Amino acid sequence: MRRLPAILLLAVLAACSTPDQRVPPAPLAVTPPAERADAPVVRRELPDQPTPPVASIPSPEARPAPSPQTAAPVVPSDAIYVCVVDRDGTRHQTVIEFVPKVHQLCRRHPEMGPCQYERNVCRNAGGRVFASGGHEITMATEAEYDRKVMRVRFRAN
């Protein structure tokens, strides 16, 4: 009789727990060409680039080749952000373009909401965000942006 409550408690705990299965992130949505004229944000794919191979035994005088995680992406001159996703040995680069008014805003004030939203969309797709200078915008950079505008986030329990 004492085992019944313990078994029920274990059954409830097992039912409430989530399985430890990692779901791969969804790929970044690219704006179709037909919708690019009216869209406030356009995401267009740059040609895929193979990730640089890593030498198995480097020579002492040779510098190590940059790994896919550290190699700088190709950023077009008119773009503010490029989303880089390394998947299956191929580097997928997506340029994030804004309408002219938002483009000017994000160029001067990258901490503003529309800019941050697009960077987070890239990260949620498993990508990394690079700015026009070729430097990566990390979560530490995002924290600096939040501190700059004193953004407060309320989270529900």
Protein backbone atom coordinates (compact mmCIF):
# COMPACT_ATOMS: atom_id res chain seq x y z
CA MET A 1 0.00 0.00 0.00
CA ARG A 2 2.92 2.35 0.68
CA ARG A 3 4.35 1.73 -2.76
CA LEU A 4 1.30 3.04 -4.63
CA PRO A 5 1.87 6.77 -3.82
CA ALA A 6 5.57 6.44 -4.63
CA ILE A 7 4.80 4.77 -7.96
CA LEU A 8 2.21 7.43 -8.80
CA LEU A 9 4.69 10.19 -7.93
CA LEU A 10 7.34 8.65 -10.17
CA ALA A 11 4.81 8.28 -13.00
CA VAL A 12 3.81 11.95 -12.72
CA LEU A 13 7.43 13.09 -12.67
CA ALA A 14 8.26 10.96 -15.70
CA ALA A 15 5.26 12.32 -17.60
CA CYS A 16 6.17 15.93 -16.82
CA SER A 17 9.81 15.68 -17.81
CA THR A 18 10.90 16.43 -21.35
CA PRO A 19 12.91 13.96 -23.40
CA ASP A 20 16.57 14.85 -23.89
CA GLN A 21 16.41 15.04 -27.66
CA ARG A 22 17.99 17.98 -29.40
CA VAL A 23 16.03 19.29 -32.36
CA PRO A 24 18.21 20.89 -35.02
CA PRO A 25 17.37 24.55 -35.63
CA ALA A 26 15.23 25.42 -38.61
CA PRO A 27 17.13 27.00 -41.51
CA LEU A 28 16.95 30.76 -41.97
CA ALA A 29 14.03 31.74 -44.18
CA VAL A 30 15.09 33.50 -47.38
CA THR A 31 12.76 36.09 -48.93
CA PRO A 32 11.41 34.91 -52.32
CA PRO A 33 12.29 37.23 -55.25
CA ALA A 34 8.62 38.01 -55.91
CA GLU A 35 8.15 39.42 -52.40
CA ARG A 36 11.39 41.42 -52.16
CA ALA A 37 9.95 44.69 -53.46
CA ASP A 38 7.37 45.06 -50.68
CA ALA A 39 9.17 43.37 -47.79
CA PRO A 40 10.56 45.51 -44.93
CA VAL A 41 13.39 43.00 -44.42
CA VAL A 42 14.92 40.99 -47.25
CA ARG A 43 17.08 37.95 -46.64
CA ARG A 44 18.95 36.81 -49.74
CA GLU A 45 21.35 33.91 -49.97
CA LEU A 46 24.94 34.46 -51.08
CA PRO A 47 26.69 31.66 -52.99
CA ASP A 48 27.70 28.77 -50.72
CA GLN A 49 31.36 28.56 -49.87
CA PRO A 50 33.12 25.34 -48.90
CA THR A 51 34.63 25.48 -45.45
CA PRO A 52 38.42 25.56 -45.51
CA PRO A 53 39.99 22.12 -45.04
CA VAL A 54 42.04 21.53 -41.92
CA ALA A 55 45.50 20.03 -42.48
CA SER A 56 46.16 16.86 -40.50
CA ILE A 57 49.88 17.58 -39.86
CA PRO A 58 50.77 21.27 -40.16
CA SER A 59 54.33 22.23 -41.00
CA PRO A 60 56.14 24.32 -38.37
CA GLU A 61 56.57 27.36 -40.63
CA ALA A 62 53.01 27.29 -41.99
CA ARG A 63 50.30 29.20 -40.21
CA PRO A 64 47.21 27.16 -39.39
CA ALA A 65 44.29 27.60 -41.75
CA PRO A 66 41.36 29.44 -40.21
CA SER A 67 38.67 27.11 -39.01
CA PRO A 68 35.10 27.54 -40.25
CA GLN A 69 34.22 29.03 -36.87
CA THR A 70 36.85 31.79 -37.12
CA ALA A 71 37.09 32.52 -40.85
CA ALA A 72 35.71 35.96 -41.74
CA PRO A 73 32.67 35.92 -44.03
CA VAL A 74 32.24 37.81 -47.27
CA VAL A 75 30.15 40.90 -46.44
CA PRO A 76 28.78 42.96 -49.36
CA SER A 77 29.54 46.67 -49.09
CA ASP A 78 25.87 47.72 -48.90
CA ALA A 79 24.89 45.15 -46.24
CA ILE A 80 24.82 45.75 -42.49
CA TYR A 81 24.53 42.12 -41.36
CA VAL A 82 25.39 38.71 -42.75
CA CYS A 83 24.08 35.52 -41.15
CA VAL A 84 26.61 32.68 -41.46
CA VAL A 85 25.58 29.05 -40.94
CA ASP A 86 28.16 26.27 -41.30
CA ARG A 87 26.25 23.09 -42.14
CA ASP A 88 27.48 19.82 -43.67
CA GLY A 89 30.86 21.25 -44.63
CA THR A 90 29.32 24.17 -46.49
CA ARG A 91 29.11 27.76 -45.38
CA HIS A 92 25.70 29.33 -46.03
CA GLN A 93 25.72 33.13 -45.97
CA THR A 94 22.54 35.17 -45.94
CA VAL A 95 22.57 38.94 -46.31
CA ILE A 96 20.04 40.77 -44.15
CA GLU A 97 18.80 43.92 -45.91
CA PHE A 98 16.39 46.49 -44.50
CA VAL A 99 14.20 49.16 -46.11
CA PRO A 100 16.17 52.45 -46.44
CA LYS A 101 14.72 54.08 -43.32
CA VAL A 102 15.51 51.07 -41.08
CA HIS A 103 18.85 50.59 -42.85
CA GLN A 104 19.95 54.07 -41.77
CA LEU A 105 18.66 53.46 -38.24
CA CYS A 106 20.54 50.16 -37.89
CA ARG A 107 23.72 51.65 -39.35
CA ARG A 108 23.73 54.44 -36.73
CA HIS A 109 22.08 52.63 -33.80
CA PRO A 110 22.55 48.84 -34.00
CA GLU A 111 21.05 48.43 -30.53
CA MET A 112 17.53 49.24 -31.75
CA GLY A 113 14.78 46.62 -31.77
CA PRO A 114 14.39 45.81 -35.50
CA CYS A 115 18.13 45.24 -35.85
CA GLN A 116 18.29 43.06 -32.75
CA TYR A 117 15.25 41.07 -33.87
CA GLU A 118 16.90 40.11 -37.16
CA ARG A 119 20.13 39.15 -35.42
CA ASN A 120 18.18 36.90 -33.04
CA VAL A 121 16.34 35.29 -35.97
CA CYS A 122 19.74 34.39 -37.41
CA ARG A 123 20.97 32.93 -34.11
CA ASN A 124 17.78 30.91 -33.67
CA ALA A 125 18.46 29.34 -37.06
CA GLY A 126 21.86 28.17 -35.79
CA GLY A 127 23.82 31.00 -37.38
CA ARG A 128 26.31 33.61 -36.34
CA VAL A 129 25.88 37.32 -37.13
CA PHE A 130 28.64 39.39 -38.69
CA ALA A 131 28.54 43.16 -39.17
CA SER A 132 29.69 45.04 -42.24
CA GLY A 133 33.23 45.39 -40.87
CA GLY A 134 33.56 41.61 -40.71
CA HIS A 135 33.43 41.40 -36.91
CA GLU A 136 31.02 39.04 -35.19
CA ILE A 137 28.18 40.37 -33.08
CA THR A 138 28.19 38.05 -30.10
CA MET A 139 25.89 37.85 -27.10
CA ALA A 140 28.45 39.95 -25.20
CA THR A 141 28.00 42.66 -27.83
CA GLU A 142 24.23 42.34 -27.42
CA ALA A 143 24.64 42.80 -23.66
CA GLU A 144 26.58 46.01 -24.32
CA TYR A 145 23.79 47.19 -26.61
CA ASP A 146 21.22 46.44 -23.90
CA ARG A 147 23.29 48.32 -21.34
CA LYS A 148 23.58 51.27 -23.72
CA VAL A 149 19.82 51.66 -24.08
CA MET A 150 19.09 50.37 -20.54
CA ARG A 151 16.65 47.85 -21.93
CA VAL A 152 14.63 45.99 -19.34
CA ARG A 153 13.19 42.60 -20.13
CA PHE A 154 10.37 41.10 -18.13
CA ARG A 155 9.99 37.36 -18.27
CA ALA A 156 6.92 35.45 -17.27
CA ASN A 157 7.32 32.45 -14.99
